[in-house]
Amino acid sequence: MGQPERRMQFAKNVKMLDWLKTELLDQVSNLFKGLYHANQHLMIEAIASLLICIYVLGRRVGFTYREVDQVVTEKLRDHSREGHQLERWYGDLSTLEEYMNKR
């Protein structure tokens, strides 16, 4: 790949990262709007879009989807063991870890 092509690819990657960052903010805003209006459709759409953005952002900065999943699973396990409040009160972390391990 020549120098102009490399510069073009670099600019394209920077632009995509910027777009992903703004998409994350936009979807967080949509999630908050959905919560405020108790709009389940808007909430689930925003949550799904956030998950997609996070995975793609991770890939764009050099991580595989599997690496992201592995680190998430490790964090869930660690937080569960440490007695994180979400785990103590609701069991959310171990439930999510179980779900991720079954995928």
Foldseek 3Di string as FASTA:
>chain_A
DDDVVVVVVVVVLVVVLVVLVVLLVVLVVQLVVCVVVVPVVSNVVSVVSNVVSVQVNCVSVPDHSVVVLVVLLVVLVVCCVVPPVCCVPPNVSVVVSVVSVVD
